[in-house]
């Protein structure tokens, strides 16, 4: 997540996408793997086997905004509140596993990365 050429390229694209930000000093940068799901939807919930382990997964490239959505949902679940958040289709949504095992899965991931870049 700290590959300087990649981070510099991301910063360059930031100003292409939002030209009004040009000249802004970027003080923090990060990158890394993106957790995609097969349906591109996240899942938030509590592991039924344990009942006290909460999770948020599968942001599909929208980590910052999805993490902001996850907080209130996980809090409501922790407090055992039945709210629109905990009744959401994303709460305890079963994640489908990517078919195949290594090395096929890794090869497919790398092909996907090449196509997207």
C-alpha atoms as a PDB file:
ATOM      1  CA  UNK A   1       0.000   0.000   0.000  1.00  0.00           C
ATOM      2  CA  UNK A   2       2.966   2.396   0.056  1.00  0.00           C
ATOM      3  CA  UNK A   3       4.286   2.061  -3.487  1.00  0.00           C
ATOM      4  CA  UNK A   4       5.314   5.686  -4.197  1.00  0.00           C
ATOM      5  CA  UNK A   5       4.808   5.626  -8.005  1.00  0.00           C
ATOM      6  CA  UNK A   6       1.277   4.290  -7.509  1.00  0.00           C
ATOM      7  CA  UNK A   7       0.461   6.855  -4.819  1.00  0.00           C
ATOM      8  CA  UNK A   8       1.789   9.694  -6.997  1.00  0.00           C
ATOM      9  CA  UNK A   9      -0.314   8.455  -9.928  1.00  0.00           C
ATOM     10  CA  UNK A  10      -3.415   8.345  -7.703  1.00  0.00           C
ATOM     11  CA  UNK A  11      -2.738  11.903  -6.556  1.00  0.00           C
ATOM     12  CA  UNK A  12      -2.371  13.058 -10.168  1.00  0.00           C
ATOM     13  CA  UNK A  13      -5.755  11.519 -11.037  1.00  0.00           C
ATOM     14  CA  UNK A  14      -7.351  13.169  -8.003  1.00  0.00           C
ATOM     15  CA  UNK A  15      -6.733  16.562  -9.587  1.00  0.00           C
ATOM     16  CA  UNK A  16      -7.897  15.360 -13.011  1.00  0.00           C
ATOM     17  CA  UNK A  17     -11.200  14.176 -11.535  1.00  0.00           C
ATOM     18  CA  UNK A  18     -11.615  17.231  -9.272  1.00  0.00           C
ATOM     19  CA  UNK A  19      -9.716  20.098 -10.938  1.00  0.00           C
ATOM     20  CA  UNK A  20     -10.926  22.624  -8.318  1.00  0.00           C
ATOM     21  CA  UNK A  21      -8.681  20.823  -5.816  1.00  0.00           C
ATOM     22  CA  UNK A  22      -5.562  21.582  -7.865  1.00  0.00           C
ATOM     23  CA  UNK A  23      -2.912  23.135  -5.617  1.00  0.00           C
ATOM     24  CA  UNK A  24      -4.228  21.366  -2.522  1.00  0.00           C
ATOM     25  CA  UNK A  25      -1.451  19.757  -0.492  1.00  0.00           C
ATOM     26  CA  UNK A  26      -2.093  16.044  -0.019  1.00  0.00           C
ATOM     27  CA  UNK A  27      -0.706  15.055   3.384  1.00  0.00           C
ATOM     28  CA  UNK A  28      -1.874  11.436   3.617  1.00  0.00           C
ATOM     29  CA  UNK A  29      -1.918   8.743   0.943  1.00  0.00           C
ATOM     30  CA  UNK A  30      -2.737   5.073   0.955  1.00  0.00           C
ATOM     31  CA  UNK A  31      -3.541   2.294  -1.421  1.00  0.00           C
ATOM     32  CA  UNK A  32      -3.859  -1.436  -1.282  1.00  0.00           C
ATOM     33  CA  UNK A  33      -5.953  -4.376  -2.276  1.00  0.00           C
ATOM     34  CA  UNK A  34      -9.643  -3.863  -2.854  1.00  0.00           C
ATOM     35  CA  UNK A  35     -12.120  -6.347  -1.434  1.00  0.00           C
ATOM     36  CA  UNK A  36     -14.603  -7.070  -4.227  1.00  0.00           C
ATOM     37  CA  UNK A  37     -17.615  -9.323  -3.924  1.00  0.00           C
ATOM     38  CA  UNK A  38     -19.207 -11.223  -6.783  1.00  0.00           C
ATOM     39  CA  UNK A  39     -22.299  -8.981  -6.702  1.00  0.00           C
ATOM     40  CA  UNK A  40     -20.294  -5.789  -5.874  1.00  0.00           C
ATOM     41  CA  UNK A  41     -22.345  -5.276  -2.683  1.00  0.00           C
ATOM     42  CA  UNK A  42     -20.912  -5.175   0.833  1.00  0.00           C
ATOM     43  CA  UNK A  43     -22.070  -7.215   3.791  1.00  0.00           C
ATOM     44  CA  UNK A  44     -22.198  -6.067   7.392  1.00  0.00           C
ATOM     45  CA  UNK A  45     -23.191  -8.224  10.305  1.00  0.00           C
ATOM     46  CA  UNK A  46     -22.433 -10.450  13.217  1.00  0.00           C
ATOM     47  CA  UNK A  47     -21.043 -13.960  12.973  1.00  0.00           C
ATOM     48  CA  UNK A  48     -23.851 -16.269  14.106  1.00  0.00           C
ATOM     49  CA  UNK A  49     -21.543 -18.933  15.511  1.00  0.00           C
ATOM     50  CA  UNK A  50     -20.045 -16.508  18.018  1.00  0.00           C
ATOM     51  CA  UNK A  51     -22.675 -13.783  18.362  1.00  0.00           C
ATOM     52  CA  UNK A  52     -20.094 -11.220  19.453  1.00  0.00           C
ATOM     53  CA  UNK A  53     -17.904 -10.847  16.361  1.00  0.00           C
ATOM     54  CA  UNK A  54     -19.033  -8.081  14.039  1.00  0.00           C
ATOM     55  CA  UNK A  55     -17.793  -7.582  10.506  1.00  0.00           C
ATOM     56  CA  UNK A  56     -17.959  -5.268   7.512  1.00  0.00           C
ATOM     57  CA  UNK A  57     -16.632  -6.651   4.250  1.00  0.00           C
ATOM     58  CA  UNK A  58     -16.759  -6.380   0.495  1.00  0.00           C
ATOM     59  CA  UNK A  59     -16.572  -2.632  -0.028  1.00  0.00           C
ATOM     60  CA  UNK A  60     -15.752  -3.173  -3.726  1.00  0.00           C
ATOM     61  CA  UNK A  61     -13.563  -0.105  -4.060  1.00  0.00           C
ATOM     62  CA  UNK A  62     -15.722   2.236  -1.984  1.00  0.00           C
ATOM     63  CA  UNK A  63     -13.939   1.703   1.335  1.00  0.00           C
ATOM     64  CA  UNK A  64     -14.121   5.179   2.821  1.00  0.00           C
ATOM     65  CA  UNK A  65     -17.819   5.768   2.204  1.00  0.00           C
ATOM     66  CA  UNK A  66     -18.795   2.187   2.993  1.00  0.00           C
ATOM     67  CA  UNK A  67     -16.860   2.296   6.274  1.00  0.00           C
ATOM     68  CA  UNK A  68     -18.844   5.394   7.216  1.00  0.00           C
ATOM     69  CA  UNK A  69     -22.047   3.455   6.528  1.00  0.00           C
ATOM     70  CA  UNK A  70     -20.815   0.405   8.434  1.00  0.00           C
ATOM     71  CA  UNK A  71     -20.236   2.200  11.740  1.00  0.00           C
ATOM     72  CA  UNK A  72     -23.865   3.047  12.583  1.00  0.00           C
ATOM     73  CA  UNK A  73     -25.058  -0.331  11.315  1.00  0.00           C
ATOM     74  CA  UNK A  74     -22.576  -2.274  13.473  1.00  0.00           C
ATOM     75  CA  UNK A  75     -23.374  -0.053  16.472  1.00  0.00           C
ATOM     76  CA  UNK A  76     -27.118  -0.733  16.116  1.00  0.00           C
ATOM     77  CA  UNK A  77     -26.410  -4.452  15.877  1.00  0.00           C
ATOM     78  CA  UNK A  78     -24.129  -4.339  18.918  1.00  0.00           C
ATOM     79  CA  UNK A  79     -26.850  -2.575  20.900  1.00  0.00           C
ATOM     80  CA  UNK A  80     -29.341  -5.181  19.589  1.00  0.00           C
ATOM     81  CA  UNK A  81     -31.534  -2.483  18.053  1.00  0.00           C
ATOM     82  CA  UNK A  82     -33.919  -3.408  15.268  1.00  0.00           C
ATOM     83  CA  UNK A  83     -33.524  -0.440  12.929  1.00  0.00           C
ATOM     84  CA  UNK A  84     -33.752   0.152   9.213  1.00  0.00           C
ATOM     85  CA  UNK A  85     -29.981  -0.395   9.176  1.00  0.00           C
ATOM     86  CA  UNK A  86     -30.060  -3.809  10.817  1.00  0.00           C
ATOM     87  CA  UNK A  87     -33.067  -4.769   8.688  1.00  0.00           C
ATOM     88  CA  UNK A  88     -31.156  -3.794   5.535  1.00  0.00           C
ATOM     89  CA  UNK A  89     -30.544  -6.427   2.881  1.00  0.00           C
ATOM     90  CA  UNK A  90     -26.815  -5.747   3.433  1.00  0.00           C
ATOM     91  CA  UNK A  91     -26.953  -6.837   7.072  1.00  0.00           C
ATOM     92  CA  UNK A  92     -25.853 -10.464   7.470  1.00  0.00           C
ATOM     93  CA  UNK A  93     -25.901 -10.767   3.688  1.00  0.00           C
ATOM     94  CA  UNK A  94     -24.257 -14.022   2.757  1.00  0.00           C
ATOM     95  CA  UNK A  95     -21.118 -13.462   0.712  1.00  0.00           C
ATOM     96  CA  UNK A  96     -20.560 -15.861  -2.138  1.00  0.00           C
ATOM     97  CA  UNK A  97     -17.091 -17.284  -2.389  1.00  0.00           C
ATOM     98  CA  UNK A  98     -15.165 -16.773  -5.573  1.00  0.00           C
ATOM     99  CA  UNK A  99     -15.139 -20.132  -7.297  1.00  0.00           C
ATOM    100  CA  UNK A 100     -12.001 -22.202  -7.688  1.00  0.00           C
ATOM    101  CA  UNK A 101      -9.022 -22.292  -5.409  1.00  0.00           C
ATOM    102  CA  UNK A 102      -5.453 -21.145  -5.740  1.00  0.00           C
ATOM    103  CA  UNK A 103      -3.676 -20.758  -8.097  1.00  0.00           C
ATOM    104  CA  UNK A 104      -6.683 -20.292 -10.432  1.00  0.00           C
ATOM    105  CA  UNK A 105      -8.219 -17.596  -8.196  1.00  0.00           C
ATOM    106  CA  UNK A 106      -4.935 -15.653  -8.058  1.00  0.00           C
ATOM    107  CA  UNK A 107      -4.462 -15.844 -11.820  1.00  0.00           C
ATOM    108  CA  UNK A 108      -7.998 -14.537 -12.343  1.00  0.00           C
ATOM    109  CA  UNK A 109      -7.379 -11.708  -9.852  1.00  0.00           C
ATOM    110  CA  UNK A 110      -4.192 -10.668 -11.653  1.00  0.00           C
ATOM    111  CA  UNK A 111      -5.909 -10.751 -15.055  1.00  0.00           C
ATOM    112  CA  UNK A 112      -8.654  -8.537 -13.626  1.00  0.00           C
ATOM    113  CA  UNK A 113      -6.066  -6.084 -12.298  1.00  0.00           C
ATOM    114  CA  UNK A 114      -4.379  -5.895 -15.696  1.00  0.00           C
ATOM    115  CA  UNK A 115      -7.692  -5.282 -17.464  1.00  0.00           C
ATOM    116  CA  UNK A 116      -8.658  -2.512 -15.035  1.00  0.00           C
ATOM    117  CA  UNK A 117      -5.330  -0.662 -15.222  1.00  0.00           C
END
